[in-house]
Amino acid sequence: MSTKEQRERIELLQGTLDLLILRTLLLGPVHGHAIAKAIEFRSDDVLQVEQGSLYPALHRLIKRGWISAEEGTSENNRRAKFYRLTPKGRKRLVLETSKWAKLSGAIARILRPTEEGES
């Protein structure tokens, strides 16, 4: 990745990583590296999830009961932990998605110029 691409990446707001992980797991069980890659891919490489952020978030979500983990074998025949959304996690995803929509809408209203020519 070029230096320009690194500068153009956006840091995640605190709490949004949990939401992105829950949303990714809605598609089915997946291992940690694949979660990070899915977030990168679905954000057109704008968001990058580092291991130092991903694994603490996964442990936090397990502790809250929003996801579960089980041992398995990855597509390249290596041992890996596969994470799965729990029913409690599905409910939380709905709640967090709603909260995110309210927050992003509020920020968009503040950033949008008004008809009176405010900049």
N, C-alpha and C. Protein backbone atom coordinates (compact mmCIF):
# COMPACT_ATOMS: atom_id res chain seq x y z
N MET A 1 0.84 -1.17 0.00
CA MET A 1 0.00 0.00 0.00
C MET A 1 0.89 1.24 0.00
N SER A 2 0.53 2.22 -0.83
CA SER A 2 1.34 3.44 -0.91
C SER A 2 1.10 4.32 0.31
N THR A 3 2.01 5.28 0.50
CA THR A 3 1.87 6.21 1.62
C THR A 3 0.60 7.04 1.46
N LYS A 4 0.27 7.44 0.22
CA LYS A 4 -0.94 8.21 -0.03
C LYS A 4 -2.17 7.40 0.39
N GLU A 5 -2.21 6.13 0.04
CA GLU A 5 -3.34 5.29 0.42
C GLU A 5 -3.45 5.18 1.93
N GLN A 6 -2.30 5.08 2.62
CA GLN A 6 -2.32 5.01 4.07
C GLN A 6 -2.89 6.28 4.68
N ARG A 7 -2.55 7.43 4.14
CA ARG A 7 -3.06 8.70 4.64
C ARG A 7 -4.56 8.84 4.41
N GLU A 8 -5.06 8.24 3.33
CA GLU A 8 -6.48 8.37 2.98
C GLU A 8 -7.37 7.44 3.78
N ARG A 9 -6.82 6.49 4.48
CA ARG A 9 -7.63 5.59 5.30
C ARG A 9 -8.23 6.37 6.46
N ILE A 10 -9.36 5.92 6.92
CA ILE A 10 -10.07 6.61 7.98
C ILE A 10 -10.03 5.77 9.24
N GLU A 11 -9.69 6.39 10.36
CA GLU A 11 -9.70 5.69 11.65
C GLU A 11 -11.15 5.49 12.09
N LEU A 12 -11.45 4.34 12.66
CA LEU A 12 -12.80 4.06 13.12
C LEU A 12 -13.11 4.79 14.41
N LEU A 13 -14.31 5.34 14.51
CA LEU A 13 -14.76 5.93 15.76
C LEU A 13 -14.89 4.83 16.80
N GLN A 14 -14.67 5.18 18.04
CA GLN A 14 -14.80 4.21 19.11
C GLN A 14 -16.22 3.63 19.10
N GLY A 15 -16.33 2.33 19.15
CA GLY A 15 -17.62 1.67 19.16
C GLY A 15 -18.10 1.22 17.79
N THR A 16 -17.59 1.83 16.72
CA THR A 16 -18.06 1.42 15.40
C THR A 16 -17.49 0.08 14.97
N LEU A 17 -16.34 -0.29 15.48
CA LEU A 17 -15.76 -1.58 15.12
C LEU A 17 -16.69 -2.71 15.57
N ASP A 18 -17.25 -2.60 16.76
CA ASP A 18 -18.19 -3.63 17.23
C ASP A 18 -19.35 -3.78 16.25
N LEU A 19 -19.90 -2.66 15.82
CA LEU A 19 -21.02 -2.68 14.88
C LEU A 19 -20.61 -3.35 13.56
N LEU A 20 -19.43 -3.01 13.06
CA LEU A 20 -18.96 -3.59 11.80
C LEU A 20 -18.71 -5.08 11.92
N ILE A 21 -18.20 -5.51 13.05
CA ILE A 21 -17.98 -6.95 13.26
C ILE A 21 -19.32 -7.67 13.31
N LEU A 22 -20.26 -7.14 14.08
CA LEU A 22 -21.58 -7.77 14.18
C LEU A 22 -22.23 -7.87 12.80
N ARG A 23 -22.13 -6.81 12.02
CA ARG A 23 -22.74 -6.81 10.68
C ARG A 23 -22.06 -7.83 9.78
N THR A 24 -20.75 -7.94 9.88
CA THR A 24 -20.01 -8.91 9.07
C THR A 24 -20.42 -10.33 9.43
N LEU A 25 -20.61 -10.59 10.72
CA LEU A 25 -20.98 -11.94 11.16
C LEU A 25 -22.43 -12.29 10.85
N LEU A 26 -23.23 -11.31 10.47
CA LEU A 26 -24.60 -11.58 10.06
C LEU A 26 -24.62 -12.50 8.84
N LEU A 27 -23.56 -12.46 8.06
CA LEU A 27 -23.46 -13.27 6.85
C LEU A 27 -23.10 -14.73 7.15
N GLY A 28 -22.67 -15.01 8.38
CA GLY A 28 -22.32 -16.38 8.77
C GLY A 28 -21.00 -16.42 9.52
N PRO A 29 -20.67 -17.58 10.08
CA PRO A 29 -19.43 -17.73 10.87
C PRO A 29 -18.19 -17.49 10.01
N VAL A 30 -17.21 -16.84 10.61
CA VAL A 30 -15.98 -16.54 9.88
C VAL A 30 -14.84 -16.34 10.88
N HIS A 31 -13.61 -16.56 10.42
CA HIS A 31 -12.46 -16.37 11.31
C HIS A 31 -12.02 -14.91 11.29
N GLY A 32 -11.19 -14.54 12.28
CA GLY A 32 -10.82 -13.16 12.50
C GLY A 32 -10.21 -12.45 11.30
N HIS A 33 -9.25 -13.09 10.66
CA HIS A 33 -8.59 -12.47 9.51
C HIS A 33 -9.63 -12.17 8.42
N ALA A 34 -10.57 -13.07 8.21
CA ALA A 34 -11.60 -12.87 7.19
C ALA A 34 -12.55 -11.73 7.57
N ILE A 35 -12.78 -11.52 8.86
CA ILE A 35 -13.60 -10.39 9.31
C ILE A 35 -12.92 -9.09 8.90
N ALA A 36 -11.64 -8.98 9.20
CA ALA A 36 -10.89 -7.77 8.86
C ALA A 36 -10.89 -7.54 7.34
N LYS A 37 -10.66 -8.58 6.59
CA LYS A 37 -10.64 -8.46 5.12
C LYS A 37 -12.01 -8.09 4.57
N ALA A 38 -13.08 -8.62 5.15
CA ALA A 38 -14.43 -8.29 4.70
C ALA A 38 -14.74 -6.82 4.93
N ILE A 39 -14.34 -6.30 6.08
CA ILE A 39 -14.56 -4.89 6.38
C ILE A 39 -13.77 -4.02 5.41
N GLU A 40 -12.54 -4.39 5.14
CA GLU A 40 -11.73 -3.64 4.18
C GLU A 40 -12.39 -3.67 2.80
N PHE A 41 -12.78 -4.85 2.35
CA PHE A 41 -13.36 -5.01 1.02
C PHE A 41 -14.66 -4.23 0.89
N ARG A 42 -15.55 -4.38 1.87
CA ARG A 42 -16.86 -3.74 1.79
C ARG A 42 -16.78 -2.22 1.95
N SER A 43 -15.66 -1.71 2.47
CA SER A 43 -15.47 -0.26 2.58
C SER A 43 -14.61 0.28 1.44
N ASP A 44 -14.41 -0.53 0.41
CA ASP A 44 -13.53 -0.16 -0.71
C ASP A 44 -12.15 0.24 -0.22
N ASP A 45 -11.64 -0.50 0.76
CA ASP A 45 -10.30 -0.31 1.32
C ASP A 45 -10.11 1.02 2.05
N VAL A 46 -11.20 1.66 2.43
CA VAL A 46 -11.10 2.89 3.21
C VAL A 46 -10.83 2.55 4.67
N LEU A 47 -11.48 1.51 5.18
CA LEU A 47 -11.31 1.09 6.57
C LEU A 47 -10.37 -0.09 6.65
N GLN A 48 -9.41 -0.01 7.54
CA GLN A 48 -8.48 -1.11 7.76
C GLN A 48 -8.53 -1.45 9.23
N VAL A 49 -8.75 -2.73 9.53
CA VAL A 49 -8.84 -3.19 10.91
C VAL A 49 -7.55 -3.90 11.27
N GLU A 50 -6.82 -3.34 12.19
CA GLU A 50 -5.56 -3.93 12.63
C GLU A 50 -5.83 -5.03 13.66
N GLN A 51 -4.95 -6.02 13.73
CA GLN A 51 -5.11 -7.11 14.70
C GLN A 51 -5.18 -6.60 16.12
N GLY A 52 -4.44 -5.54 16.41
CA GLY A 52 -4.43 -4.97 17.75
C GLY A 52 -5.75 -4.37 18.16
N SER A 53 -6.62 -4.10 17.21
CA SER A 53 -7.97 -3.61 17.50
C SER A 53 -8.99 -4.73 17.37
N LEU A 54 -8.80 -5.58 16.36
CA LEU A 54 -9.78 -6.63 16.05
C LEU A 54 -9.94 -7.63 17.19
N TYR A 55 -8.85 -8.23 17.64
CA TYR A 55 -8.97 -9.31 18.61
C TYR A 55 -9.46 -8.85 19.98
N PRO A 56 -9.05 -7.68 20.47
CA PRO A 56 -9.67 -7.20 21.71
C PRO A 56 -11.18 -6.97 21.54
N ALA A 57 -11.59 -6.47 20.36
CA ALA A 57 -13.02 -6.27 20.10
C ALA A 57 -13.76 -7.61 20.08
N LEU A 58 -13.18 -8.61 19.45
CA LEU A 58 -13.81 -9.94 19.41
C LEU A 58 -13.96 -10.50 20.83
N HIS A 59 -12.93 -10.36 21.65
CA HIS A 59 -13.02 -10.85 23.03
C HIS A 59 -14.09 -10.09 23.82
N ARG A 60 -14.18 -8.79 23.59
CA ARG A 60 -15.20 -7.97 24.25
C ARG A 60 -16.61 -8.42 23.85
N LEU A 61 -16.79 -8.71 22.57
CA LEU A 61 -18.10 -9.14 22.07
C LEU A 61 -18.47 -10.53 22.60
N ILE A 62 -17.49 -11.40 22.76
CA ILE A 62 -17.73 -12.72 23.35
C ILE A 62 -18.17 -12.54 24.80
N LYS A 63 -17.45 -11.70 25.52
CA LYS A 63 -17.75 -11.46 26.94
C LYS A 63 -19.17 -10.92 27.12
N ARG A 64 -19.62 -10.10 26.19
CA ARG A 64 -20.97 -9.54 26.25
C ARG A 64 -22.04 -10.53 25.79
N GLY A 65 -21.60 -11.64 25.21
CA GLY A 65 -22.55 -12.65 24.74
C GLY A 65 -23.14 -12.35 23.37
N TRP A 66 -22.54 -11.41 22.65
CA TRP A 66 -23.06 -11.03 21.34
C TRP A 66 -22.53 -11.92 20.22
N ILE A 67 -21.37 -12.55 20.47
CA ILE A 67 -20.83 -13.52 19.52
C ILE A 67 -20.30 -14.72 20.30
N SER A 68 -20.11 -15.83 19.58
CA SER A 68 -19.49 -17.00 20.17
C SER A 68 -18.33 -17.41 19.27
N ALA A 69 -17.46 -18.26 19.78
CA ALA A 69 -16.29 -18.69 19.01
C ALA A 69 -16.13 -20.20 19.14
N GLU A 70 -15.69 -20.81 18.07
CA GLU A 70 -15.36 -22.24 18.11
C GLU A 70 -14.19 -22.51 17.19
N GLU A 71 -13.43 -23.52 17.56
CA GLU A 71 -12.25 -23.90 16.78
C GLU A 71 -12.68 -24.55 15.48
N GLY A 72 -11.88 -24.31 14.44
CA GLY A 72 -12.16 -24.92 13.15
C GLY A 72 -10.92 -24.87 12.29
N THR A 73 -11.09 -25.16 11.00
CA THR A 73 -10.00 -25.15 10.05
C THR A 73 -10.31 -24.13 8.97
N SER A 74 -9.36 -23.25 8.72
CA SER A 74 -9.55 -22.19 7.72
C SER A 74 -9.45 -22.77 6.31
N GLU A 75 -9.73 -21.91 5.33
CA GLU A 75 -9.69 -22.34 3.93
C GLU A 75 -8.29 -22.76 3.48
N ASN A 76 -7.24 -22.34 4.20
CA ASN A 76 -5.88 -22.77 3.85
C ASN A 76 -5.37 -23.85 4.81
N ASN A 77 -6.31 -24.58 5.42
CA ASN A 77 -6.02 -25.75 6.26
C ASN A 77 -5.27 -25.43 7.56
N ARG A 78 -5.48 -24.25 8.10
CA ARG A 78 -4.87 -23.89 9.38
C ARG A 78 -5.94 -23.84 10.45
N ARG A 79 -5.52 -24.12 11.69
CA ARG A 79 -6.46 -24.00 12.82
C ARG A 79 -6.83 -22.54 12.98
N ALA A 80 -8.11 -22.29 13.22
CA ALA A 80 -8.57 -20.91 13.39
C ALA A 80 -9.80 -20.92 14.28
N LYS A 81 -10.05 -19.77 14.90
CA LYS A 81 -11.28 -19.59 15.66
C LYS A 81 -12.30 -18.98 14.72
N PHE A 82 -13.49 -19.58 14.70
CA PHE A 82 -14.57 -19.05 13.89
C PHE A 82 -15.58 -18.39 14.81
N TYR A 83 -15.95 -17.17 14.45
CA TYR A 83 -16.85 -16.37 15.27
C TYR A 83 -18.24 -16.39 14.65
N ARG A 84 -19.24 -16.44 15.52
CA ARG A 84 -20.62 -16.54 15.08
C ARG A 84 -21.47 -15.56 15.88
N LEU A 85 -22.42 -14.93 15.21
CA LEU A 85 -23.35 -14.02 15.86
C LEU A 85 -24.35 -14.83 16.69
N THR A 86 -24.59 -14.42 17.92
CA THR A 86 -25.58 -15.08 18.78
C THR A 86 -26.93 -14.38 18.62
N PRO A 87 -28.01 -14.99 19.11
CA PRO A 87 -29.31 -14.30 19.07
C PRO A 87 -29.26 -12.95 19.79
N LYS A 88 -28.56 -12.90 20.92
CA LYS A 88 -28.38 -11.63 21.64
C LYS A 88 -27.61 -10.63 20.77
N GLY A 89 -26.65 -11.11 20.01
CA GLY A 89 -25.87 -10.26 19.12
C GLY A 89 -26.71 -9.73 17.96
N ARG A 90 -27.63 -10.54 17.46
CA ARG A 90 -28.53 -10.09 16.39
C ARG A 90 -29.40 -8.94 16.88
N LYS A 91 -29.91 -9.07 18.10
CA LYS A 91 -30.73 -7.99 18.68
C LYS A 91 -29.88 -6.73 18.84
N ARG A 92 -28.65 -6.91 19.30
CA ARG A 92 -27.77 -5.77 19.51
C ARG A 92 -27.43 -5.09 18.19
N LEU A 93 -27.26 -5.89 17.14
CA LEU A 93 -26.96 -5.34 15.82
C LEU A 93 -28.09 -4.41 15.36
N VAL A 94 -29.33 -4.81 15.57
CA VAL A 94 -30.48 -3.97 15.20
C VAL A 94 -30.43 -2.66 15.97
N LEU A 95 -30.20 -2.74 17.27
CA LEU A 95 -30.14 -1.55 18.12
C LEU A 95 -28.98 -0.63 17.70
N GLU A 96 -27.80 -1.19 17.53
CA GLU A 96 -26.63 -0.39 17.19
C GLU A 96 -26.75 0.22 15.79
N THR A 97 -27.38 -0.50 14.86
CA THR A 97 -27.59 0.04 13.52
C THR A 97 -28.51 1.25 13.58
N SER A 98 -29.54 1.17 14.39
CA SER A 98 -30.47 2.29 14.57
C SER A 98 -29.75 3.49 15.18
N LYS A 99 -28.94 3.24 16.20
CA LYS A 99 -28.18 4.31 16.84
C LYS A 99 -27.22 4.96 15.84
N TRP A 100 -26.56 4.14 15.03
CA TRP A 100 -25.62 4.66 14.04
C TRP A 100 -26.36 5.52 13.02
N ALA A 101 -27.54 5.09 12.58
CA ALA A 101 -28.31 5.86 11.60
C ALA A 101 -28.67 7.24 12.18
N LYS A 102 -29.06 7.28 13.46
CA LYS A 102 -29.38 8.56 14.10
C LYS A 102 -28.15 9.44 14.17
N LEU A 103 -27.03 8.88 14.60
CA LEU A 103 -25.79 9.64 14.74
C LEU A 103 -25.32 10.18 13.39
N SER A 104 -25.25 9.31 12.39
CA SER A 104 -24.76 9.75 11.08
C SER A 104 -25.71 10.76 10.45
N GLY A 105 -27.01 10.62 10.68
CA GLY A 105 -27.97 11.60 10.18
C GLY A 105 -27.77 12.95 10.83
N ALA A 106 -27.54 12.95 12.15
CA ALA A 106 -27.32 14.20 12.87
C ALA A 106 -26.05 14.89 12.39
N ILE A 107 -24.99 14.13 12.19
CA ILE A 107 -23.73 14.70 11.71
C ILE A 107 -23.92 15.25 10.29
N ALA A 108 -24.62 14.51 9.45
CA ALA A 108 -24.87 14.97 8.08
C ALA A 108 -25.65 16.29 8.08
N ARG A 109 -26.63 16.43 8.98
CA ARG A 109 -27.40 17.68 9.05
C ARG A 109 -26.51 18.85 9.45
N ILE A 110 -25.57 18.60 10.35
CA ILE A 110 -24.67 19.66 10.78
C ILE A 110 -23.71 20.06 9.66
N LEU A 111 -23.23 19.08 8.92
CA LEU A 111 -22.25 19.35 7.86
C LEU A 111 -22.89 19.91 6.60
N ARG A 112 -24.17 19.66 6.39
CA ARG A 112 -24.85 20.10 5.17
C ARG A 112 -25.10 21.61 5.24
N PRO A 113 -24.72 22.34 4.20
CA PRO A 113 -24.98 23.78 4.20
C PRO A 113 -26.49 24.03 4.17
N THR A 114 -26.92 25.09 4.84
CA THR A 114 -28.34 25.43 4.85
C THR A 114 -28.69 26.24 3.61
N GLU A 115 -29.96 26.44 3.41
CA GLU A 115 -30.42 27.22 2.25
C GLU A 115 -30.07 28.69 2.39
N GLU A 116 -29.75 29.15 3.61
CA GLU A 116 -29.45 30.56 3.83
C GLU A 116 -28.00 30.90 3.51
N GLY A 117 -27.27 29.95 2.95
CA GLY A 117 -25.90 30.21 2.55
C GLY A 117 -24.86 30.04 3.64
N GLU A 118 -25.23 29.39 4.74
CA GLU A 118 -24.27 29.13 5.82
C GLU A 118 -23.20 28.18 5.30
N SER A 119 -21.96 28.40 5.67
CA SER A 119 -20.90 27.50 5.23
C SER A 119 -20.28 26.75 6.34
